[in-house]
Amino acid sequence: EILRSTEASSKNIFGRYSSQRMKDWQDI
C-alpha cells in the first residue's frame, strides 16, 4: 500500500507498475 504512493510514477497505461520494488513485494 505504501509503495502504491511512492511508486505511482512507474504505473503504465495498463494500470501495472514497472517498478521492480512493487513487483517484488507483490510476488511476496
PDB file of all heavy atoms in Angstrom:
ATOM      1  N   GLU A   1       0.834  -1.201   0.000  1.00  0.00           N
ATOM      2  CA  GLU A   1       0.000   0.000   0.000  1.00  0.00           C
ATOM      3  C   GLU A   1       0.872   1.255   0.000  1.00  0.00           C
ATOM      4  O   GLU A   1       0.563   2.253  -0.677  1.00  0.00           O
ATOM      5  CB  GLU A   1      -0.912  -0.001   1.223  1.00  0.00           C
ATOM      6  CG  GLU A   1      -2.007  -1.062   1.187  1.00  0.00           C
ATOM      7  CD  GLU A   1      -2.987  -0.819   0.042  1.00  0.00           C
ATOM      8  OE1 GLU A   1      -3.188   0.352  -0.338  1.00  0.00           O
ATOM      9  OE2 GLU A   1      -3.523  -1.814  -0.476  1.00  0.00           O
ATOM     10  N   ILE A   2       1.964   1.226   0.751  1.00  0.00           N
ATOM     11  CA  ILE A   2       2.848   2.401   0.783  1.00  0.00           C
ATOM     12  C   ILE A   2       3.533   2.580  -0.570  1.00  0.00           C
ATOM     13  O   ILE A   2       3.697   3.703  -1.071  1.00  0.00           O
ATOM     14  CB  ILE A   2       3.882   2.243   1.915  1.00  0.00           C
ATOM     15  CG1 ILE A   2       3.185   2.238   3.283  1.00  0.00           C
ATOM     16  CG2 ILE A   2       4.909   3.364   1.855  1.00  0.00           C
ATOM     17  CD1 ILE A   2       4.107   1.931   4.429  1.00  0.00           C
ATOM     18  N   LEU A   3       3.913   1.467  -1.194  1.00  0.00           N
ATOM     19  CA  LEU A   3       4.585   1.563  -2.491  1.00  0.00           C
ATOM     20  C   LEU A   3       3.652   2.067  -3.591  1.00  0.00           C
ATOM     21  O   LEU A   3       4.114   2.608  -4.607  1.00  0.00           O
ATOM     22  CB  LEU A   3       5.158   0.195  -2.886  1.00  0.00           C
ATOM     23  CG  LEU A   3       6.353  -0.296  -2.045  1.00  0.00           C
ATOM     24  CD1 LEU A   3       6.780  -1.689  -2.495  1.00  0.00           C
ATOM     25  CD2 LEU A   3       7.521   0.671  -2.155  1.00  0.00           C
ATOM     26  N   ARG A   4       2.365   1.897  -3.419  1.00  0.00           N
ATOM     27  CA  ARG A   4       1.427   2.421  -4.425  1.00  0.00           C
ATOM     28  C   ARG A   4       1.538   3.949  -4.525  1.00  0.00           C
ATOM     29  O   ARG A   4       1.343   4.531  -5.600  1.00  0.00           O
ATOM     30  CB  ARG A   4       0.001   2.024  -4.076  1.00  0.00           C
ATOM     31  CG  ARG A   4      -0.271   0.534  -4.205  1.00  0.00           C
ATOM     32  CD  ARG A   4      -1.735   0.232  -3.916  1.00  0.00           C
ATOM     33  NE  ARG A   4      -1.971  -1.209  -3.829  1.00  0.00           N
ATOM     34  CZ  ARG A   4      -2.170  -2.007  -4.890  1.00  0.00           C
ATOM     35  NH1 ARG A   4      -2.149  -1.478  -6.106  1.00  0.00           N
ATOM     36  NH2 ARG A   4      -2.391  -3.296  -4.717  1.00  0.00           N
ATOM     37  N   SER A   5       1.868   4.569  -3.387  1.00  0.00           N
ATOM     38  CA  SER A   5       2.007   6.031  -3.428  1.00  0.00           C
ATOM     39  C   SER A   5       3.414   6.448  -3.812  1.00  0.00           C
ATOM     40  O   SER A   5       3.610   7.431  -4.543  1.00  0.00           O
ATOM     41  CB  SER A   5       1.626   6.622  -2.076  1.00  0.00           C
ATOM     42  OG  SER A   5       2.477   6.117  -1.062  1.00  0.00           O
ATOM     43  N   THR A   6       4.402   5.704  -3.365  1.00  0.00           N
ATOM     44  CA  THR A   6       5.783   6.087  -3.663  1.00  0.00           C
ATOM     45  C   THR A   6       6.186   5.705  -5.082  1.00  0.00           C
ATOM     46  O   THR A   6       7.032   6.356  -5.698  1.00  0.00           O
ATOM     47  CB  THR A   6       6.743   5.417  -2.670  1.00  0.00           C
ATOM     48  OG1 THR A   6       6.589   3.996  -2.731  1.00  0.00           O
ATOM     49  CG2 THR A   6       6.451   5.891  -1.252  1.00  0.00           C
ATOM     50  N   GLU A   7       5.583   4.644  -5.602  1.00  0.00           N
ATOM     51  CA  GLU A   7       5.918   4.189  -6.951  1.00  0.00           C
ATOM     52  C   GLU A   7       4.819   4.515  -7.958  1.00  0.00           C
ATOM     53  O   GLU A   7       4.688   3.832  -8.984  1.00  0.00           O
ATOM     54  CB  GLU A   7       6.175   2.674  -6.919  1.00  0.00           C
ATOM     55  CG  GLU A   7       7.216   2.221  -5.938  1.00  0.00           C
ATOM     56  CD  GLU A   7       8.576   2.765  -6.272  1.00  0.00           C
ATOM     57  OE1 GLU A   7       8.879   2.916  -7.477  1.00  0.00           O
ATOM     58  OE2 GLU A   7       9.354   3.046  -5.329  1.00  0.00           O
ATOM     59  N   ALA A   8       4.040   5.524  -7.693  1.00  0.00           N
ATOM     60  CA  ALA A   8       2.931   5.869  -8.616  1.00  0.00           C
ATOM     61  C   ALA A   8       3.447   6.321  -9.978  1.00  0.00           C
ATOM     62  O   ALA A   8       2.784   6.143 -11.016  1.00  0.00           O
ATOM     63  CB  ALA A   8       2.071   6.957  -7.986  1.00  0.00           C
ATOM     64  N   SER A   9       4.612   6.883 -10.034  1.00  0.00           N
ATOM     65  CA  SER A   9       5.168   7.364 -11.301  1.00  0.00           C
ATOM     66  C   SER A   9       5.536   6.230 -12.246  1.00  0.00           C
ATOM     67  O   SER A   9       5.662   6.411 -13.465  1.00  0.00           O
ATOM     68  CB  SER A   9       6.392   8.237 -11.042  1.00  0.00           C
ATOM     69  OG  SER A   9       7.384   7.493 -10.332  1.00  0.00           O
ATOM     70  N   SER A  10       5.693   5.011 -11.705  1.00  0.00           N
ATOM     71  CA  SER A  10       6.071   3.868 -12.555  1.00  0.00           C
ATOM     72  C   SER A  10       4.856   3.113 -13.093  1.00  0.00           C
ATOM     73  O   SER A  10       5.012   2.060 -13.726  1.00  0.00           O
ATOM     74  CB  SER A  10       6.962   2.908 -11.751  1.00  0.00           C
ATOM     75  OG  SER A  10       6.246   2.369 -10.657  1.00  0.00           O
ATOM     76  N   LYS A  11       3.680   3.610 -12.856  1.00  0.00           N
ATOM     77  CA  LYS A  11       2.459   2.939 -13.326  1.00  0.00           C
ATOM     78  C   LYS A  11       2.245   3.240 -14.797  1.00  0.00           C
ATOM     79  O   LYS A  11       2.283   4.390 -15.215  1.00  0.00           O
ATOM     80  CB  LYS A  11       1.281   3.421 -12.488  1.00  0.00           C
ATOM     81  CG  LYS A  11       0.006   2.624 -12.709  1.00  0.00           C
ATOM     82  CD  LYS A  11      -1.075   3.113 -11.735  1.00  0.00           C
ATOM     83  CE  LYS A  11      -2.333   2.289 -11.875  1.00  0.00           C
ATOM     84  NZ  LYS A  11      -3.409   2.755 -10.954  1.00  0.00           N
ATOM     85  N   ASN A  12       2.020   2.187 -15.622  1.00  0.00           N
ATOM     86  CA  ASN A  12       1.835   2.379 -17.072  1.00  0.00           C
ATOM     87  C   ASN A  12       0.356   2.568 -17.388  1.00  0.00           C
ATOM     88  O   ASN A  12      -0.497   2.581 -16.488  1.00  0.00           O
ATOM     89  CB  ASN A  12       2.428   1.199 -17.845  1.00  0.00           C
ATOM     90  CG  ASN A  12       1.849  -0.130 -17.375  1.00  0.00           C
ATOM     91  OD1 ASN A  12       0.736  -0.176 -16.858  1.00  0.00           O
ATOM     92  ND2 ASN A  12       2.595  -1.205 -17.572  1.00  0.00           N
ATOM     93  N   ILE A  13       0.051   2.631 -18.689  1.00  0.00           N
ATOM     94  CA  ILE A  13      -1.325   2.917 -19.123  1.00  0.00           C
ATOM     95  C   ILE A  13      -2.241   1.733 -18.882  1.00  0.00           C
ATOM     96  O   ILE A  13      -3.479   1.881 -18.873  1.00  0.00           O
ATOM     97  CB  ILE A  13      -1.341   3.288 -20.626  1.00  0.00           C
ATOM     98  CG1 ILE A  13      -0.751   2.127 -21.453  1.00  0.00           C
ATOM     99  CG2 ILE A  13      -0.567   4.575 -20.857  1.00  0.00           C
ATOM    100  CD1 ILE A  13      -0.823   2.375 -22.977  1.00  0.00           C
ATOM    101  N   PHE A  14      -1.652   0.572 -18.658  1.00  0.00           N
ATOM    102  CA  PHE A  14      -2.474  -0.615 -18.387  1.00  0.00           C
ATOM    103  C   PHE A  14      -2.736  -0.806 -16.901  1.00  0.00           C
ATOM    104  O   PHE A  14      -3.309  -1.808 -16.483  1.00  0.00           O
ATOM    105  CB  PHE A  14      -1.792  -1.864 -18.954  1.00  0.00           C
ATOM    106  CG  PHE A  14      -1.609  -1.816 -20.433  1.00  0.00           C
ATOM    107  CD1 PHE A  14      -0.365  -1.549 -20.967  1.00  0.00           C
ATOM    108  CD2 PHE A  14      -2.694  -2.014 -21.300  1.00  0.00           C
ATOM    109  CE1 PHE A  14      -0.187  -1.500 -22.332  1.00  0.00           C
ATOM    110  CE2 PHE A  14      -2.493  -1.961 -22.674  1.00  0.00           C
ATOM    111  CZ  PHE A  14      -1.247  -1.699 -23.198  1.00  0.00           C
ATOM    112  N   GLY A  15      -2.290   0.098 -16.104  1.00  0.00           N
ATOM    113  CA  GLY A  15      -2.515   0.007 -14.663  1.00  0.00           C
ATOM    114  C   GLY A  15      -1.523  -0.876 -13.945  1.00  0.00           C
ATOM    115  O   GLY A  15      -1.704  -1.201 -12.763  1.00  0.00           O
ATOM    116  N   ARG A  16      -0.456  -1.264 -14.593  1.00  0.00           N
ATOM    117  CA  ARG A  16       0.573  -2.082 -13.967  1.00  0.00           C
ATOM    118  C   ARG A  16       1.787  -1.226 -13.630  1.00  0.00           C
ATOM    119  O   ARG A  16       2.009  -0.203 -14.253  1.00  0.00           O
ATOM    120  CB  ARG A  16       0.991  -3.220 -14.890  1.00  0.00           C
ATOM    121  CG  ARG A  16      -0.116  -4.209 -15.181  1.00  0.00           C
ATOM    122  CD  ARG A  16       0.382  -5.309 -16.092  1.00  0.00           C
ATOM    123  NE  ARG A  16      -0.660  -6.281 -16.360  1.00  0.00           N
ATOM    124  CZ  ARG A  16      -0.950  -7.330 -15.582  1.00  0.00           C
ATOM    125  NH1 ARG A  16      -0.247  -7.524 -14.488  1.00  0.00           N
ATOM    126  NH2 ARG A  16      -1.927  -8.166 -15.900  1.00  0.00           N
ATOM    127  N   TYR A  17       2.515  -1.707 -12.633  1.00  0.00           N
ATOM    128  CA  TYR A  17       3.699  -0.973 -12.154  1.00  0.00           C
ATOM    129  C   TYR A  17       4.945  -1.593 -12.775  1.00  0.00           C
ATOM    130  O   TYR A  17       5.139  -2.822 -12.746  1.00  0.00           O
ATOM    131  CB  TYR A  17       3.803  -1.034 -10.634  1.00  0.00           C
ATOM    132  CG  TYR A  17       2.710  -0.265  -9.928  1.00  0.00           C
ATOM    133  CD1 TYR A  17       1.495  -0.891  -9.580  1.00  0.00           C
ATOM    134  CD2 TYR A  17       2.890   1.066  -9.610  1.00  0.00           C
ATOM    135  CE1 TYR A  17       0.491  -0.195  -8.938  1.00  0.00           C
ATOM    136  CE2 TYR A  17       1.874   1.772  -8.956  1.00  0.00           C
ATOM    137  CZ  TYR A  17       0.703   1.136  -8.622  1.00  0.00           C
ATOM    138  OH  TYR A  17      -0.307   1.824  -7.992  1.00  0.00           O
ATOM    139  N   SER A  18       5.739  -0.721 -13.329  1.00  0.00           N
ATOM    140  CA  SER A  18       7.010  -1.169 -13.904  1.00  0.00           C
ATOM    141  C   SER A  18       8.141  -1.186 -12.890  1.00  0.00           C
ATOM    142  O   SER A  18       9.242  -1.621 -13.196  1.00  0.00           O
ATOM    143  CB  SER A  18       7.399  -0.263 -15.090  1.00  0.00           C
ATOM    144  OG  SER A  18       7.529   1.092 -14.642  1.00  0.00           O
ATOM    145  N   SER A  19       7.891  -0.723 -11.679  1.00  0.00           N
ATOM    146  CA  SER A  19       8.916  -0.669 -10.619  1.00  0.00           C
ATOM    147  C   SER A  19       9.218  -2.083 -10.129  1.00  0.00           C
ATOM    148  O   SER A  19       8.298  -2.875  -9.846  1.00  0.00           O
ATOM    149  CB  SER A  19       8.444   0.203  -9.460  1.00  0.00           C
ATOM    150  OG  SER A  19       9.342   0.118  -8.383  1.00  0.00           O
ATOM    151  N   GLN A  20      10.487  -2.371 -10.018  1.00  0.00           N
ATOM    152  CA  GLN A  20      10.903  -3.689  -9.530  1.00  0.00           C
ATOM    153  C   GLN A  20      10.545  -3.868  -8.062  1.00  0.00           C
ATOM    154  O   GLN A  20      10.248  -4.975  -7.611  1.00  0.00           O
ATOM    155  CB  GLN A  20      12.412  -3.852  -9.732  1.00  0.00           C
ATOM    156  CG  GLN A  20      12.948  -5.227  -9.370  1.00  0.00           C
ATOM    157  CD  GLN A  20      12.353  -6.326 -10.231  1.00  0.00           C
ATOM    158  OE1 GLN A  20      12.106  -6.105 -11.437  1.00  0.00           O
ATOM    159  NE2 GLN A  20      12.098  -7.483  -9.642  1.00  0.00           N
ATOM    160  N   ARG A  21      10.561  -2.797  -7.287  1.00  0.00           N
ATOM    161  CA  ARG A  21      10.188  -2.872  -5.871  1.00  0.00           C
ATOM    162  C   ARG A  21       8.762  -3.379  -5.730  1.00  0.00           C
ATOM    163  O   ARG A  21       8.481  -4.291  -4.948  1.00  0.00           O
ATOM    164  CB  ARG A  21      10.311  -1.504  -5.219  1.00  0.00           C
ATOM    165  CG  ARG A  21      11.716  -0.961  -5.164  1.00  0.00           C
ATOM    166  CD  ARG A  21      11.702   0.457  -4.643  1.00  0.00           C
ATOM    167  NE  ARG A  21      13.052   1.041  -4.586  1.00  0.00           N
ATOM    168  CZ  ARG A  21      13.277   2.319  -4.295  1.00  0.00           C
ATOM    169  NH1 ARG A  21      12.265   3.145  -4.022  1.00  0.00           N
ATOM    170  NH2 ARG A  21      14.514   2.765  -4.270  1.00  0.00           N
ATOM    171  N   MET A  22       7.858  -2.775  -6.508  1.00  0.00           N
ATOM    172  CA  MET A  22       6.463  -3.168  -6.425  1.00  0.00           C
ATOM    173  C   MET A  22       6.289  -4.627  -6.856  1.00  0.00           C
ATOM    174  O   MET A  22       5.540  -5.390  -6.232  1.00  0.00           O
ATOM    175  CB  MET A  22       5.597  -2.249  -7.276  1.00  0.00           C
ATOM    176  CG  MET A  22       4.105  -2.597  -7.274  1.00  0.00           C
ATOM    177  SD  MET A  22       3.350  -2.413  -5.645  1.00  0.00           S
ATOM    178  CE  MET A  22       3.244  -0.640  -5.567  1.00  0.00           C
ATOM    179  N   LYS A  23       6.984  -5.019  -7.909  1.00  0.00           N
ATOM    180  CA  LYS A  23       6.851  -6.389  -8.383  1.00  0.00           C
ATOM    181  C   LYS A  23       7.347  -7.380  -7.331  1.00  0.00           C
ATOM    182  O   LYS A  23       6.721  -8.430  -7.114  1.00  0.00           O
ATOM    183  CB  LYS A  23       7.640  -6.563  -9.680  1.00  0.00           C
ATOM    184  CG  LYS A  23       7.067  -5.840 -10.883  1.00  0.00           C
ATOM    185  CD  LYS A  23       7.930  -6.064 -12.116  1.00  0.00           C
ATOM    186  CE  LYS A  23       7.357  -5.319 -13.332  1.00  0.00           C
ATOM    187  NZ  LYS A  23       8.174  -5.531 -14.559  1.00  0.00           N
ATOM    188  N   ASP A  24       8.429  -7.052  -6.683  1.00  0.00           N
ATOM    189  CA  ASP A  24       8.958  -7.973  -5.662  1.00  0.00           C
ATOM    190  C   ASP A  24       7.973  -8.174  -4.521  1.00  0.00           C
ATOM    191  O   ASP A  24       7.705  -9.307  -4.092  1.00  0.00           O
ATOM    192  CB  ASP A  24      10.282  -7.443  -5.129  1.00  0.00           C
ATOM    193  CG  ASP A  24      11.392  -7.492  -6.165  1.00  0.00           C
ATOM    194  OD1 ASP A  24      11.238  -8.247  -7.138  1.00  0.00           O
ATOM    195  OD2 ASP A  24      12.404  -6.770  -5.993  1.00  0.00           O
ATOM    196  N   TRP A  25       7.436  -7.126  -3.997  1.00  0.00           N
ATOM    197  CA  TRP A  25       6.527  -7.234  -2.869  1.00  0.00           C
ATOM    198  C   TRP A  25       5.176  -7.822  -3.268  1.00  0.00           C
ATOM    199  O   TRP A  25       4.553  -8.529  -2.466  1.00  0.00           O
ATOM    200  CB  TRP A  25       6.341  -5.871  -2.206  1.00  0.00           C
ATOM    201  CG  TRP A  25       7.570  -5.459  -1.446  1.00  0.00           C
ATOM    202  CD1 TRP A  25       8.504  -4.563  -1.829  1.00  0.00           C
ATOM    203  CD2 TRP A  25       7.977  -5.979  -0.195  1.00  0.00           C
ATOM    204  NE1 TRP A  25       9.487  -4.454  -0.905  1.00  0.00           N
ATOM    205  CE2 TRP A  25       9.206  -5.336   0.149  1.00  0.00           C
ATOM    206  CE3 TRP A  25       7.469  -6.912   0.688  1.00  0.00           C
ATOM    207  CZ2 TRP A  25       9.888  -5.599   1.314  1.00  0.00           C
ATOM    208  CZ3 TRP A  25       8.164  -7.175   1.853  1.00  0.00           C
ATOM    209  CH2 TRP A  25       9.364  -6.535   2.172  1.00  0.00           C
ATOM    210  N   GLN A  26       4.731  -7.563  -4.492  1.00  0.00           N
ATOM    211  CA  GLN A  26       3.503  -8.209  -4.945  1.00  0.00           C
ATOM    212  C   GLN A  26       3.702  -9.713  -5.106  1.00  0.00           C
ATOM    213  O   GLN A  26       2.803 -10.507  -4.782  1.00  0.00           O
ATOM    214  CB  GLN A  26       3.053  -7.592  -6.280  1.00  0.00           C
ATOM    215  CG  GLN A  26       2.439  -6.206  -6.132  1.00  0.00           C
ATOM    216  CD  GLN A  26       2.050  -5.602  -7.471  1.00  0.00           C
ATOM    217  OE1 GLN A  26       2.486  -6.055  -8.531  1.00  0.00           O
ATOM    218  NE2 GLN A  26       1.220  -4.548  -7.425  1.00  0.00           N
ATOM    219  N   ASP A  27       4.890 -10.118  -5.579  1.00  0.00           N
ATOM    220  CA  ASP A  27       5.178 -11.549  -5.657  1.00  0.00           C
ATOM    221  C   ASP A  27       5.216 -12.179  -4.270  1.00  0.00           C
ATOM    222  O   ASP A  27       4.761 -13.325  -4.077  1.00  0.00           O
ATOM    223  CB  ASP A  27       6.506 -11.768  -6.372  1.00  0.00           C
ATOM    224  CG  ASP A  27       6.447 -11.381  -7.845  1.00  0.00           C
ATOM    225  OD1 ASP A  27       5.324 -11.277  -8.375  1.00  0.00           O
ATOM    226  OD2 ASP A  27       7.527 -11.162  -8.437  1.00  0.00           O
ATOM    227  N   ILE A  28       5.763 -11.457  -3.325  1.00  0.00           N
ATOM    228  CA  ILE A  28       5.812 -11.976  -1.949  1.00  0.00           C
ATOM    229  C   ILE A  28       4.407 -12.173  -1.397  1.00  0.00           C
ATOM    230  O   ILE A  28       4.104 -13.195  -0.762  1.00  0.00           O
ATOM    231  CB  ILE A  28       6.631 -11.031  -1.062  1.00  0.00           C
ATOM    232  CG1 ILE A  28       8.117 -11.064  -1.468  1.00  0.00           C
ATOM    233  CG2 ILE A  28       6.495 -11.409   0.416  1.00  0.00           C
ATOM    234  CD1 ILE A  28       8.966 -10.036  -0.775  1.00  0.00           C
TER     235      ILE A  28
END
